[in-house]
Amino acid sequence: MLKKALLPKLIVLSYTKLASLSITIAIALGLFLSIPKQAIGQTQTQPTLSFEESKTILKEIEQLNQQIEEQYKQGDYVQATPLAERALILYEKLLGKEHPDVSRIVNNLAILYQNQNKYEKAEQLFKRSLQIEEKLVGKNHPNVTYPLNNLAALYKLQKKYQQAEPLYKRSLLILENVQREKNTFLSKSLSTSLSSNLENLADLYRLQEKYQQAEPLYKRSLEIRQKILGQEHPLVATSLNNLGLLYQQMEKYQQAEQLYKRSLLIYEKSSGQEDSLVATVLNNLALMYQEQGDYQKADPLFQRSLQIWEKLQQ
């Protein structure tokens, strides 16, 4: 099963109109899923399907998934959407309407609609994914946190902060309760989910200029990622950048500078000198210098950031 972390699409408008960009990663269930082969002919929800019928459906689903992935990577969400809609019909035919894989393809279709600014359709699908997960595993299972976060992220994108906050908080509480019940640190995957939950809620508070509420959440996320993933992991760089952005907005420039520089070094080492995330941190560091009137430091960083984006867009 292919899982894909989703980053917001970043668009550089011009040299003078750049804005600081927070690198936030939505907790998505993953794109372009495949059905386990043992599911063929064994689904209790669709007992009328023969082995050959199930095999034919599975083959078409796999072909659709490849096409969807190709279109998605190219940013062609319009072309990917009818393919995903067809895949959903086939998933439902093979597995029924309330299966974990159906929940995931519903989630993925919602993401495609969201990327086309079709927020109403995306909201309906995220809610359906949430309802399926709640029915399958209960309202307090970690799996529920994925559609909760995605629905909250959709609301945040539309600046519906009051609707997003309780969803993020509920998701965070679920994972914290799991940790408390186990009386130990969460597994690597759940710890990564917990850190992303903290980061998402922190970002929501930052956007509302609730800095005192955002800061401890960013710090806690950073601490978890460093402990679980190591000091040089790209997600650690993401946390460093986002905490740096918070300090920049609070005009704590010395602290922001240190965090940006460390984030930049990690991204350059892990992703290369000409990656979009490198360009993002360069942009943020340049803007911080610009805010302080230090154009001598800002200008070459702006130029390097723009050169990376121009090369990536070719």
Protein backbone atom coordinates (compact mmCIF):
# COMPACT_ATOMS: atom_id res chain seq x y z
CA MET A 1 0.00 0.00 0.00
CA LEU A 2 1.45 3.34 -1.02
CA LYS A 3 1.20 6.05 1.58
CA LYS A 4 1.83 9.63 0.68
CA ALA A 5 2.27 12.63 3.00
CA LEU A 6 0.53 15.64 1.60
CA LEU A 7 2.09 19.04 1.51
CA PRO A 8 0.23 22.21 0.56
CA LYS A 9 1.06 23.32 -2.99
CA LEU A 10 3.41 26.28 -2.75
CA ILE A 11 3.31 28.94 -5.45
CA VAL A 12 5.95 31.66 -5.65
CA LEU A 13 4.26 34.75 -7.04
CA SER A 14 7.10 37.24 -7.35
CA TYR A 15 10.29 38.41 -5.72
CA THR A 16 8.57 41.15 -3.75
CA LYS A 17 5.36 39.33 -2.80
CA LEU A 18 6.69 36.23 -1.09
CA ALA A 19 5.13 35.36 2.25
CA SER A 20 6.47 33.14 4.98
CA LEU A 21 5.34 29.57 4.46
CA SER A 22 4.66 27.08 7.19
CA ILE A 23 5.49 23.52 6.20
CA THR A 24 2.53 21.58 7.48
CA ILE A 25 1.89 17.95 6.70
CA ALA A 26 -1.67 16.72 6.69
CA ILE A 27 -2.22 13.30 8.19
CA ALA A 28 -3.66 11.50 5.20
CA LEU A 29 -4.51 7.83 4.99
CA GLY A 30 -2.51 7.61 1.81
CA LEU A 31 -3.19 7.79 -1.89
CA PHE A 32 -3.61 5.14 -4.55
CA LEU A 33 -4.37 2.16 -2.36
CA SER A 34 -4.39 -1.46 -3.40
CA ILE A 35 -6.63 -4.17 -2.06
CA PRO A 36 -4.88 -7.15 -0.45
CA LYS A 37 -5.10 -10.11 -2.82
CA GLN A 38 -6.50 -12.32 -0.09
CA ALA A 39 -9.65 -10.19 -0.25
CA ILE A 40 -10.50 -11.62 -3.68
CA GLY A 41 -13.56 -13.80 -3.49
CA GLN A 42 -13.60 -13.62 0.31
CA THR A 43 -15.61 -10.49 1.05
CA GLN A 44 -18.55 -11.16 3.34
CA THR A 45 -20.25 -7.97 2.21
CA GLN A 46 -20.45 -9.04 -1.45
CA PRO A 47 -20.91 -12.86 -1.42
CA THR A 48 -22.50 -12.93 -4.90
CA LEU A 49 -19.19 -12.12 -6.62
CA SER A 50 -17.37 -15.09 -8.07
CA PHE A 51 -13.62 -15.48 -7.85
CA GLU A 52 -13.23 -14.49 -11.51
CA GLU A 53 -15.47 -11.43 -11.11
CA SER A 54 -13.47 -10.31 -8.07
CA LYS A 55 -10.21 -10.88 -9.90
CA THR A 56 -11.41 -8.78 -12.86
CA ILE A 57 -12.45 -5.94 -10.56
CA LEU A 58 -9.14 -6.07 -8.73
CA LYS A 59 -7.22 -5.87 -11.99
CA GLU A 60 -9.15 -2.76 -13.06
CA ILE A 61 -8.62 -1.17 -9.64
CA GLU A 62 -4.87 -1.69 -9.90
CA GLN A 63 -4.85 -0.10 -13.35
CA LEU A 64 -6.90 2.84 -12.09
CA ASN A 65 -4.57 3.31 -9.12
CA GLN A 66 -1.57 3.56 -11.43
CA GLN A 67 -3.34 6.12 -13.61
CA ILE A 68 -4.51 8.13 -10.59
CA GLU A 69 -1.02 8.19 -9.14
CA GLU A 70 0.45 9.40 -12.42
CA GLN A 71 -2.14 12.17 -12.77
CA TYR A 72 -1.76 13.17 -9.11
CA LYS A 73 2.02 13.47 -9.37
CA GLN A 74 1.54 15.71 -12.40
CA GLY A 75 -0.89 17.88 -10.44
CA ASP A 76 -3.71 17.01 -12.83
CA TYR A 77 -6.42 16.59 -10.20
CA VAL A 78 -9.23 17.12 -12.71
CA GLN A 79 -8.17 14.08 -14.74
CA ALA A 80 -7.51 12.02 -11.60
CA THR A 81 -10.95 12.65 -10.09
CA PRO A 82 -13.18 10.55 -12.43
CA LEU A 83 -10.62 7.75 -12.17
CA ALA A 84 -10.87 7.85 -8.39
CA GLU A 85 -14.67 7.97 -8.60
CA ARG A 86 -14.62 4.83 -10.75
CA ALA A 87 -12.21 3.18 -8.31
CA LEU A 88 -14.59 3.95 -5.44
CA ILE A 89 -17.47 2.26 -7.26
CA LEU A 90 -15.33 -0.84 -7.77
CA TYR A 91 -14.11 -0.87 -4.17
CA GLU A 92 -17.73 -0.73 -2.98
CA LYS A 93 -18.73 -3.50 -5.35
CA LEU A 94 -15.92 -5.73 -4.15
CA LEU A 95 -15.90 -4.91 -0.44
CA GLY A 96 -19.17 -3.17 0.39
CA LYS A 97 -19.71 0.42 1.51
CA GLU A 98 -18.25 0.11 5.02
CA HIS A 99 -14.81 -1.38 4.61
CA PRO A 100 -11.48 0.19 5.69
CA ASP A 101 -10.24 0.36 2.09
CA VAL A 102 -13.46 2.07 1.03
CA SER A 103 -12.88 4.63 3.79
CA ARG A 104 -9.41 5.25 2.41
CA ILE A 105 -10.45 5.73 -1.21
CA VAL A 106 -13.25 8.06 -0.03
CA ASN A 107 -10.58 10.02 1.86
CA ASN A 108 -8.38 10.16 -1.22
CA LEU A 109 -11.22 11.34 -3.45
CA ALA A 110 -11.90 14.08 -0.89
CA ILE A 111 -8.27 15.18 -1.17
CA LEU A 112 -8.59 15.44 -4.95
CA TYR A 113 -11.68 17.61 -4.58
CA GLN A 114 -9.95 19.73 -1.95
CA ASN A 115 -7.04 20.34 -4.32
CA GLN A 116 -9.57 21.67 -6.85
CA ASN A 117 -11.13 24.00 -4.25
CA LYS A 118 -14.33 21.95 -4.29
CA TYR A 119 -14.62 22.19 -0.55
CA GLU A 120 -18.25 21.17 -0.14
CA LYS A 121 -17.72 17.86 -1.93
CA ALA A 122 -14.47 17.30 -0.02
CA GLU A 123 -16.20 17.95 3.29
CA GLN A 124 -18.94 15.43 2.57
CA LEU A 125 -16.40 12.76 1.68
CA PHE A 126 -14.15 13.41 4.69
CA LYS A 127 -17.22 13.13 6.90
CA ARG A 128 -18.17 9.84 5.25
CA SER A 129 -14.66 8.49 5.80
CA LEU A 130 -14.90 9.50 9.45
CA GLN A 131 -18.28 7.79 9.86
CA ILE A 132 -16.98 4.56 8.34
CA GLU A 133 -13.93 4.50 10.61
CA GLU A 134 -16.03 5.25 13.71
CA LYS A 135 -18.40 2.42 12.87
CA LEU A 136 -15.62 -0.06 12.14
CA VAL A 137 -13.24 0.61 15.04
CA GLY A 138 -15.10 2.88 17.45
CA LYS A 139 -14.90 6.61 18.10
CA ASN A 140 -11.73 6.45 20.19
CA HIS A 141 -9.49 4.34 17.97
CA PRO A 142 -6.30 5.88 16.50
CA ASN A 143 -7.57 5.20 12.96
CA VAL A 144 -10.26 7.82 13.54
CA THR A 145 -7.58 10.51 13.92
CA TYR A 146 -6.79 10.44 10.20
CA PRO A 147 -10.17 11.62 8.86
CA LEU A 148 -10.50 13.95 11.87
CA ASN A 149 -7.26 15.69 10.91
CA ASN A 150 -8.10 15.85 7.24
CA LEU A 151 -11.52 17.34 7.91
CA ALA A 152 -9.95 19.83 10.32
CA ALA A 153 -7.32 20.74 7.72
CA LEU A 154 -10.09 21.42 5.21
CA TYR A 155 -11.77 23.79 7.65
CA LYS A 156 -8.45 25.46 8.41
CA LEU A 157 -7.84 25.98 4.71
CA GLN A 158 -11.16 27.82 4.54
CA LYS A 159 -10.29 29.80 7.71
CA LYS A 160 -13.10 28.09 9.60
CA TYR A 161 -10.94 27.93 12.68
CA GLN A 162 -13.74 27.40 15.18
CA GLN A 163 -14.80 24.25 13.34
CA ALA A 164 -11.27 22.95 12.95
CA GLU A 165 -10.12 23.33 16.56
CA PRO A 166 -12.41 20.75 18.25
CA LEU A 167 -11.53 18.17 15.59
CA TYR A 168 -7.80 18.64 16.13
CA LYS A 169 -8.31 18.51 19.90
CA ARG A 170 -10.38 15.35 19.70
CA SER A 171 -7.77 13.68 17.53
CA LEU A 172 -5.00 14.68 19.92
CA LEU A 173 -6.95 13.42 22.91
CA ILE A 174 -7.45 10.00 21.29
CA LEU A 175 -3.71 9.51 20.82
CA GLU A 176 -2.88 10.83 24.27
CA ASN A 177 -5.38 8.41 25.81
CA VAL A 178 -3.81 5.51 23.91
CA GLN A 179 -0.43 6.55 25.26
CA ARG A 180 -1.82 6.86 28.79
CA GLU A 181 -3.51 3.45 28.65
CA LYS A 182 -0.33 1.76 27.47
CA ASN A 183 1.64 3.68 30.10
CA THR A 184 4.52 3.91 27.67
CA PHE A 185 5.72 5.87 24.68
CA LEU A 186 3.72 5.21 21.54
CA SER A 187 4.98 3.14 18.64
CA LYS A 188 6.95 4.96 15.96
CA SER A 189 3.95 5.31 13.65
CA LEU A 190 1.60 6.52 16.38
CA SER A 191 4.26 8.85 17.77
CA THR A 192 4.63 10.38 14.32
CA SER A 193 0.85 10.81 14.17
CA LEU A 194 0.88 12.42 17.62
CA SER A 195 3.59 14.87 16.59
CA SER A 196 1.65 15.76 13.43
CA ASN A 197 -1.51 16.31 15.50
CA LEU A 198 0.41 18.67 17.78
CA GLU A 199 1.90 20.47 14.78
CA ASN A 200 -1.49 20.90 13.11
CA LEU A 201 -3.14 22.32 16.23
CA ALA A 202 -0.15 24.58 16.84
CA ASP A 203 -0.38 25.89 13.29
CA LEU A 204 -4.08 26.61 13.80
CA TYR A 205 -3.26 28.71 16.86
CA ARG A 206 -0.41 30.48 15.05
CA LEU A 207 -2.72 31.50 12.23
CA GLN A 208 -4.99 33.09 14.84
CA GLU A 209 -1.98 34.77 16.53
CA LYS A 210 -2.52 32.70 19.67
CA TYR A 211 1.20 32.37 20.11
CA GLN A 212 1.27 31.32 23.75
CA GLN A 213 -0.95 28.36 22.94
CA ALA A 214 1.00 27.44 19.81
CA GLU A 215 4.53 27.48 21.24
CA PRO A 216 4.34 24.52 23.67
CA LEU A 217 2.65 22.38 21.03
CA TYR A 218 5.37 23.08 18.47
CA LYS A 219 8.04 22.34 21.08
CA ARG A 220 6.41 19.09 22.11
CA SER A 221 6.12 17.97 18.49
CA LEU A 222 9.79 18.75 17.92
CA GLU A 223 10.80 16.82 21.03
CA ILE A 224 8.84 13.74 19.95
CA ARG A 225 10.25 13.77 16.43
CA GLN A 226 13.82 14.16 17.61
CA LYS A 227 13.41 11.29 20.06
CA ILE A 228 11.70 8.91 17.64
CA LEU A 229 13.20 9.86 14.28
CA GLY A 230 16.60 11.28 15.15
CA GLN A 231 18.08 14.77 14.90
CA GLU A 232 18.52 14.79 11.12
CA HIS A 233 15.12 13.57 9.93
CA PRO A 234 13.14 15.74 7.45
CA LEU A 235 10.16 15.86 9.83
CA VAL A 236 12.47 17.34 12.46
CA ALA A 237 13.38 19.99 9.89
CA THR A 238 9.67 20.65 9.38
CA SER A 239 9.16 21.19 13.11
CA LEU A 240 12.20 23.46 13.27
CA ASN A 241 10.91 25.57 10.37
CA ASN A 242 7.44 25.87 11.84
CA LEU A 243 8.68 26.82 15.29
CA GLY A 244 11.01 29.30 13.61
CA LEU A 245 8.05 30.82 11.77
CA LEU A 246 6.23 31.21 15.07
CA TYR A 247 9.20 33.02 16.62
CA GLN A 248 9.51 35.20 13.52
CA GLN A 249 5.89 36.29 13.92
CA MET A 250 6.59 36.93 17.62
CA GLU A 251 9.63 39.01 16.51
CA LYS A 252 12.00 36.71 18.38
CA TYR A 253 14.39 36.88 15.47
CA GLN A 254 17.51 35.38 17.04
CA GLN A 255 15.64 32.21 18.01
CA ALA A 256 13.92 32.05 14.63
CA GLU A 257 17.23 32.40 12.77
CA GLN A 258 18.83 29.49 14.61
CA LEU A 259 15.86 27.24 13.89
CA TYR A 260 15.65 28.18 10.21
CA LYS A 261 19.36 27.56 9.68
CA ARG A 262 19.21 24.16 11.33
CA SER A 263 16.10 23.25 9.32
CA LEU A 264 17.83 24.33 6.12
CA LEU A 265 20.88 22.17 6.80
CA ILE A 266 18.76 19.09 7.40
CA TYR A 267 16.71 19.59 4.24
CA GLU A 268 19.80 20.21 2.13
CA LYS A 269 21.34 17.01 3.46
CA SER A 270 18.22 14.86 3.11
CA SER A 271 16.59 16.32 -0.02
CA GLY A 272 19.37 18.04 -1.92
CA GLN A 273 20.23 21.67 -2.62
CA GLU A 274 17.37 22.25 -5.08
CA ASP A 275 14.33 20.86 -3.28
CA SER A 276 11.06 22.77 -2.76
CA LEU A 277 11.41 22.50 1.01
CA VAL A 278 14.88 24.05 0.82
CA ALA A 279 13.37 26.90 -1.19
CA THR A 280 10.65 27.36 1.43
CA VAL A 281 13.07 27.69 4.32
CA LEU A 282 15.32 29.99 2.29
CA ASN A 283 12.29 32.18 1.63
CA ASN A 284 11.35 32.28 5.31
CA LEU A 285 14.90 33.11 6.42
CA ALA A 286 15.14 35.84 3.77
CA LEU A 287 11.85 37.39 4.88
CA MET A 288 13.00 37.38 8.48
CA TYR A 289 16.13 39.34 7.48
CA GLN A 290 14.01 41.67 5.37
CA GLU A 291 11.74 42.39 8.33
CA GLN A 292 14.83 43.48 10.26
CA GLY A 293 16.04 45.66 7.39
CA ASP A 294 19.03 43.43 6.66
CA TYR A 295 18.68 43.37 2.88
CA GLN A 296 22.30 42.33 2.37
CA LYS A 297 21.50 38.96 3.92
CA ALA A 298 17.97 38.73 2.53
CA ASP A 299 18.66 39.34 -1.17
CA PRO A 300 20.86 36.33 -1.98
CA LEU A 301 18.49 34.02 -0.11
CA PHE A 302 15.51 35.36 -2.04
CA GLN A 303 17.40 34.88 -5.29
CA ARG A 304 18.41 31.32 -4.46
CA SER A 305 14.86 30.44 -3.41
CA LEU A 306 13.43 31.82 -6.65
CA GLN A 307 16.03 30.02 -8.75
CA ILE A 308 15.03 26.71 -7.16
CA TRP A 309 11.34 27.33 -7.80
CA GLU A 310 11.94 28.38 -11.39
CA LYS A 311 13.96 25.23 -12.02
CA LEU A 312 11.32 23.01 -10.42
CA GLN A 313 8.54 24.60 -12.50
CA GLN A 314 10.34 24.03 -15.82
